[in-house]
Amino acid sequence: MRTESGRLSALGCVGIVSAESHNPMNDSPLIGLALSAGSLLGLYLAFRLLRKATELKRRAVRVPGTVIEMIATPSTNGDTQNLYLFAPRYGFRTPAGKEITVISPDSSRPPAYKVGQRVSVLYDSQTGEARLSTWMELTGGPIILALFCCAMLAVGILIMGGG
């Protein structure tokens, strides 16, 4: 039996059982909105990280350091076995004469440094923060994150617009 709206009803009962299936394209605007919102949040995080790196460059003093060892950590990619990433442990002396050892948060394969290699370190005596003075360690991560989020924002906007 058909109702006034043209939909099928189950034996003329009060409740309408639609014969139409759920169209996943109807969810596209919500998916686009969620993707766009997540991308904007990622862009905000990238901006904050970039600003923090800029502040470190402004406040910190540049001191010479030396790579003490390369720390091997297993890759978090479950598809590959015996794949290790290498992060440098480096040491330096503060302007006050204190010896400090730091493990870089950035790792790579193949190793980006060799044991004994001289490195330039930015050291902030106010916060005790120390980072290698390289583009990747200071600004590379936030810029890569921002580029990724810009691409995802564009995809989200296209999805919301139906394009």
C-alpha atoms as a PDB file:
ATOM      1  CA  MET A   1       0.000   0.000   0.000  1.00  0.00           C
ATOM      2  CA  ARG A   2       1.335   3.458  -0.855  1.00  0.00           C
ATOM      3  CA  THR A   3       1.007   6.444   1.462  1.00  0.00           C
ATOM      4  CA  GLU A   4       0.411  10.053   0.406  1.00  0.00           C
ATOM      5  CA  SER A   5       4.160  10.612   0.204  1.00  0.00           C
ATOM      6  CA  GLY A   6       4.474   7.742  -2.249  1.00  0.00           C
ATOM      7  CA  ARG A   7       6.384   5.516   0.141  1.00  0.00           C
ATOM      8  CA  LEU A   8       5.476   1.919   0.813  1.00  0.00           C
ATOM      9  CA  SER A   9       3.848   1.145   4.143  1.00  0.00           C
ATOM     10  CA  ALA A  10       3.733  -2.242   5.778  1.00  0.00           C
ATOM     11  CA  LEU A  11       0.161  -3.519   5.291  1.00  0.00           C
ATOM     12  CA  GLY A  12      -1.344  -0.112   5.860  1.00  0.00           C
ATOM     13  CA  CYS A  13      -0.077   0.116   9.475  1.00  0.00           C
ATOM     14  CA  VAL A  14       0.430   3.462  11.167  1.00  0.00           C
ATOM     15  CA  GLY A  15       4.233   3.124  11.114  1.00  0.00           C
ATOM     16  CA  ILE A  16       5.824   3.586   7.736  1.00  0.00           C
ATOM     17  CA  VAL A  17       8.486   1.142   6.620  1.00  0.00           C
ATOM     18  CA  SER A  18      10.413   2.722   3.796  1.00  0.00           C
ATOM     19  CA  ALA A  19      11.473   0.626   0.859  1.00  0.00           C
ATOM     20  CA  GLU A  20      14.180   3.204   0.121  1.00  0.00           C
ATOM     21  CA  SER A  21      17.660   2.237   1.267  1.00  0.00           C
ATOM     22  CA  HIS A  22      19.982   4.522   3.239  1.00  0.00           C
ATOM     23  CA  ASN A  23      22.038   6.676   0.902  1.00  0.00           C
ATOM     24  CA  PRO A  24      25.581   7.181   2.285  1.00  0.00           C
ATOM     25  CA  MET A  25      25.951  10.308   0.138  1.00  0.00           C
ATOM     26  CA  ASN A  26      23.508  12.023   2.517  1.00  0.00           C
ATOM     27  CA  ASP A  27      26.234  11.808   5.179  1.00  0.00           C
ATOM     28  CA  SER A  28      28.798  13.598   2.988  1.00  0.00           C
ATOM     29  CA  PRO A  29      28.226  17.071   4.445  1.00  0.00           C
ATOM     30  CA  LEU A  30      28.759  15.715   7.967  1.00  0.00           C
ATOM     31  CA  ILE A  31      31.921  13.877   6.930  1.00  0.00           C
ATOM     32  CA  GLY A  32      33.170  17.018   5.186  1.00  0.00           C
ATOM     33  CA  LEU A  33      32.377  19.115   8.243  1.00  0.00           C
ATOM     34  CA  ALA A  34      34.199  16.683  10.563  1.00  0.00           C
ATOM     35  CA  LEU A  35      37.206  16.561   8.222  1.00  0.00           C
ATOM     36  CA  SER A  36      37.275  20.348   7.989  1.00  0.00           C
ATOM     37  CA  ALA A  37      36.974  20.784  11.756  1.00  0.00           C
ATOM     38  CA  GLY A  38      39.790  18.285  12.381  1.00  0.00           C
ATOM     39  CA  SER A  39      41.934  20.031   9.778  1.00  0.00           C
ATOM     40  CA  LEU A  40      41.364  23.422  11.407  1.00  0.00           C
ATOM     41  CA  LEU A  41      42.354  21.939  14.761  1.00  0.00           C
ATOM     42  CA  GLY A  42      45.509  20.511  13.165  1.00  0.00           C
ATOM     43  CA  LEU A  43      46.312  23.895  11.604  1.00  0.00           C
ATOM     44  CA  TYR A  44      45.932  25.536  15.010  1.00  0.00           C
ATOM     45  CA  LEU A  45      48.315  22.966  16.531  1.00  0.00           C
ATOM     46  CA  ALA A  46      50.826  23.522  13.707  1.00  0.00           C
ATOM     47  CA  PHE A  47      50.644  27.280  14.282  1.00  0.00           C
ATOM     48  CA  ARG A  48      51.249  26.833  18.030  1.00  0.00           C
ATOM     49  CA  LEU A  49      54.231  24.527  17.436  1.00  0.00           C
ATOM     50  CA  LEU A  50      55.710  26.927  14.892  1.00  0.00           C
ATOM     51  CA  ARG A  51      55.250  29.817  17.305  1.00  0.00           C
ATOM     52  CA  LYS A  52      56.953  27.825  20.083  1.00  0.00           C
ATOM     53  CA  ALA A  53      59.922  27.108  17.777  1.00  0.00           C
ATOM     54  CA  THR A  54      60.132  30.803  16.862  1.00  0.00           C
ATOM     55  CA  GLU A  55      60.156  31.765  20.537  1.00  0.00           C
ATOM     56  CA  LEU A  56      62.901  29.215  21.222  1.00  0.00           C
ATOM     57  CA  LYS A  57      65.022  30.652  18.387  1.00  0.00           C
ATOM     58  CA  ARG A  58      64.508  34.151  19.788  1.00  0.00           C
ATOM     59  CA  ARG A  59      65.369  33.332  23.431  1.00  0.00           C
ATOM     60  CA  ALA A  60      67.929  30.553  23.095  1.00  0.00           C
ATOM     61  CA  VAL A  61      71.665  30.750  22.777  1.00  0.00           C
ATOM     62  CA  ARG A  62      73.486  28.660  20.199  1.00  0.00           C
ATOM     63  CA  VAL A  63      76.051  26.306  21.729  1.00  0.00           C
ATOM     64  CA  PRO A  64      78.205  23.605  20.144  1.00  0.00           C
ATOM     65  CA  GLY A  65      77.361  19.994  20.871  1.00  0.00           C
ATOM     66  CA  THR A  66      78.498  16.505  19.937  1.00  0.00           C
ATOM     67  CA  VAL A  67      76.508  13.403  19.018  1.00  0.00           C
ATOM     68  CA  ILE A  68      77.284  10.834  21.720  1.00  0.00           C
ATOM     69  CA  GLU A  69      75.327   7.875  20.320  1.00  0.00           C
ATOM     70  CA  MET A  70      72.555   6.929  17.955  1.00  0.00           C
ATOM     71  CA  ILE A  71      69.572   5.417  19.753  1.00  0.00           C
ATOM     72  CA  ALA A  72      67.776   2.727  17.730  1.00  0.00           C
ATOM     73  CA  THR A  73      64.043   2.399  18.303  1.00  0.00           C
ATOM     74  CA  PRO A  74      61.793  -0.140  16.554  1.00  0.00           C
ATOM     75  CA  SER A  75      59.454   1.328  13.959  1.00  0.00           C
ATOM     76  CA  THR A  76      55.800   1.494  14.977  1.00  0.00           C
ATOM     77  CA  ASN A  77      54.785   0.241  11.539  1.00  0.00           C
ATOM     78  CA  GLY A  78      53.537  -3.306  12.141  1.00  0.00           C
ATOM     79  CA  ASP A  79      54.043  -4.343   8.524  1.00  0.00           C
ATOM     80  CA  THR A  80      57.822  -4.218   8.652  1.00  0.00           C
ATOM     81  CA  GLN A  81      59.986  -6.295  10.931  1.00  0.00           C
ATOM     82  CA  ASN A  82      63.496  -5.370  12.017  1.00  0.00           C
ATOM     83  CA  LEU A  83      63.053  -1.768  10.899  1.00  0.00           C
ATOM     84  CA  TYR A  84      64.699   0.663  13.279  1.00  0.00           C
ATOM     85  CA  LEU A  85      64.698   4.442  13.361  1.00  0.00           C
ATOM     86  CA  PHE A  86      67.683   6.306  14.796  1.00  0.00           C
ATOM     87  CA  ALA A  87      67.623   9.364  17.052  1.00  0.00           C
ATOM     88  CA  PRO A  88      70.782  11.157  18.155  1.00  0.00           C
ATOM     89  CA  ARG A  89      71.743  11.504  21.802  1.00  0.00           C
ATOM     90  CA  TYR A  90      73.865  14.613  21.983  1.00  0.00           C
ATOM     91  CA  GLY A  91      75.678  16.464  24.704  1.00  0.00           C
ATOM     92  CA  PHE A  92      76.630  20.100  25.154  1.00  0.00           C
ATOM     93  CA  ARG A  93      77.855  22.537  27.767  1.00  0.00           C
ATOM     94  CA  THR A  94      75.617  25.448  28.797  1.00  0.00           C
ATOM     95  CA  PRO A  95      77.050  28.969  28.988  1.00  0.00           C
ATOM     96  CA  ALA A  96      77.078  28.445  32.784  1.00  0.00           C
ATOM     97  CA  GLY A  97      79.309  25.375  32.324  1.00  0.00           C
ATOM     98  CA  LYS A  98      76.751  22.637  33.079  1.00  0.00           C
ATOM     99  CA  GLU A  99      76.987  19.446  30.985  1.00  0.00           C
ATOM    100  CA  ILE A 100      73.635  18.377  29.508  1.00  0.00           C
ATOM    101  CA  THR A 101      72.691  15.295  27.468  1.00  0.00           C
ATOM    102  CA  VAL A 102      69.540  15.218  25.313  1.00  0.00           C
ATOM    103  CA  ILE A 103      67.867  12.657  23.047  1.00  0.00           C
ATOM    104  CA  SER A 104      66.392  14.273  19.965  1.00  0.00           C
ATOM    105  CA  PRO A 105      62.641  13.694  19.461  1.00  0.00           C
ATOM    106  CA  ASP A 106      63.281  13.290  15.720  1.00  0.00           C
ATOM    107  CA  SER A 107      64.440   9.974  14.332  1.00  0.00           C
ATOM    108  CA  SER A 108      65.250   8.771  10.844  1.00  0.00           C
ATOM    109  CA  ARG A 109      66.365   5.876   8.732  1.00  0.00           C
ATOM    110  CA  PRO A 110      69.150   5.925   7.693  1.00  0.00           C
ATOM    111  CA  PRO A 111      70.672   7.746  10.661  1.00  0.00           C
ATOM    112  CA  ALA A 112      70.978  11.483  10.024  1.00  0.00           C
ATOM    113  CA  TYR A 113      74.042  11.812  12.287  1.00  0.00           C
ATOM    114  CA  LYS A 114      77.218   9.935  13.113  1.00  0.00           C
ATOM    115  CA  VAL A 115      78.681   9.419  16.569  1.00  0.00           C
ATOM    116  CA  GLY A 116      81.222  12.157  17.237  1.00  0.00           C
ATOM    117  CA  GLN A 117      79.614  14.561  14.765  1.00  0.00           C
ATOM    118  CA  ARG A 118      79.535  18.210  15.824  1.00  0.00           C
ATOM    119  CA  VAL A 119      76.052  19.761  16.003  1.00  0.00           C
ATOM    120  CA  SER A 120      74.653  23.195  16.738  1.00  0.00           C
ATOM    121  CA  VAL A 121      72.268  23.275  19.704  1.00  0.00           C
ATOM    122  CA  LEU A 122      69.770  25.956  20.716  1.00  0.00           C
ATOM    123  CA  TYR A 123      69.585  26.114  24.509  1.00  0.00           C
ATOM    124  CA  ASP A 124      67.045  28.173  26.457  1.00  0.00           C
ATOM    125  CA  SER A 125      68.343  28.715  29.985  1.00  0.00           C
ATOM    126  CA  GLN A 126      64.913  29.952  31.183  1.00  0.00           C
ATOM    127  CA  THR A 127      63.082  26.726  30.350  1.00  0.00           C
ATOM    128  CA  GLY A 128      66.012  24.302  30.089  1.00  0.00           C
ATOM    129  CA  GLU A 129      64.812  23.353  26.599  1.00  0.00           C
ATOM    130  CA  ALA A 130      67.414  22.249  24.081  1.00  0.00           C
ATOM    131  CA  ARG A 131      66.897  21.420  20.414  1.00  0.00           C
ATOM    132  CA  LEU A 132      69.214  20.735  17.530  1.00  0.00           C
ATOM    133  CA  SER A 133      69.413  23.814  15.355  1.00  0.00           C
ATOM    134  CA  THR A 134      68.080  22.180  12.196  1.00  0.00           C
ATOM    135  CA  TRP A 135      65.127  23.037   9.994  1.00  0.00           C
ATOM    136  CA  MET A 136      63.495  19.649  10.550  1.00  0.00           C
ATOM    137  CA  GLU A 137      63.808  19.669  14.310  1.00  0.00           C
ATOM    138  CA  LEU A 138      62.564  23.232  14.744  1.00  0.00           C
ATOM    139  CA  THR A 139      60.050  23.942  11.994  1.00  0.00           C
ATOM    140  CA  GLY A 140      59.820  20.915   9.711  1.00  0.00           C
ATOM    141  CA  GLY A 141      57.187  19.047  11.720  1.00  0.00           C
ATOM    142  CA  PRO A 142      54.778  21.983  12.072  1.00  0.00           C
ATOM    143  CA  ILE A 143      55.108  22.909   8.394  1.00  0.00           C
ATOM    144  CA  ILE A 144      54.507  19.324   7.237  1.00  0.00           C
ATOM    145  CA  LEU A 145      51.487  19.132   9.581  1.00  0.00           C
ATOM    146  CA  ALA A 146      50.139  22.436   8.222  1.00  0.00           C
ATOM    147  CA  LEU A 147      50.492  21.282   4.604  1.00  0.00           C
ATOM    148  CA  PHE A 148      48.717  18.012   5.364  1.00  0.00           C
ATOM    149  CA  CYS A 149      45.918  19.835   7.188  1.00  0.00           C
ATOM    150  CA  CYS A 150      45.501  22.316   4.324  1.00  0.00           C
ATOM    151  CA  ALA A 151      45.056  19.408   1.915  1.00  0.00           C
ATOM    152  CA  MET A 152      42.528  17.726   4.217  1.00  0.00           C
ATOM    153  CA  LEU A 153      40.682  21.030   4.689  1.00  0.00           C
ATOM    154  CA  ALA A 154      40.369  21.363   0.909  1.00  0.00           C
ATOM    155  CA  VAL A 155      39.006  17.804   0.688  1.00  0.00           C
ATOM    156  CA  GLY A 156      36.546  18.529   3.504  1.00  0.00           C
ATOM    157  CA  ILE A 157      35.308  21.682   1.785  1.00  0.00           C
ATOM    158  CA  LEU A 158      34.908  19.814  -1.509  1.00  0.00           C
ATOM    159  CA  ILE A 159      32.924  17.078   0.230  1.00  0.00           C
ATOM    160  CA  MET A 160      30.659  19.609   1.956  1.00  0.00           C
ATOM    161  CA  GLY A 161      30.068  21.402  -1.335  1.00  0.00           C
ATOM    162  CA  GLY A 162      29.088  18.175  -3.042  1.00  0.00           C
ATOM    163  CA  GLY A 163      31.988  18.408  -5.504  1.00  0.00           C
END
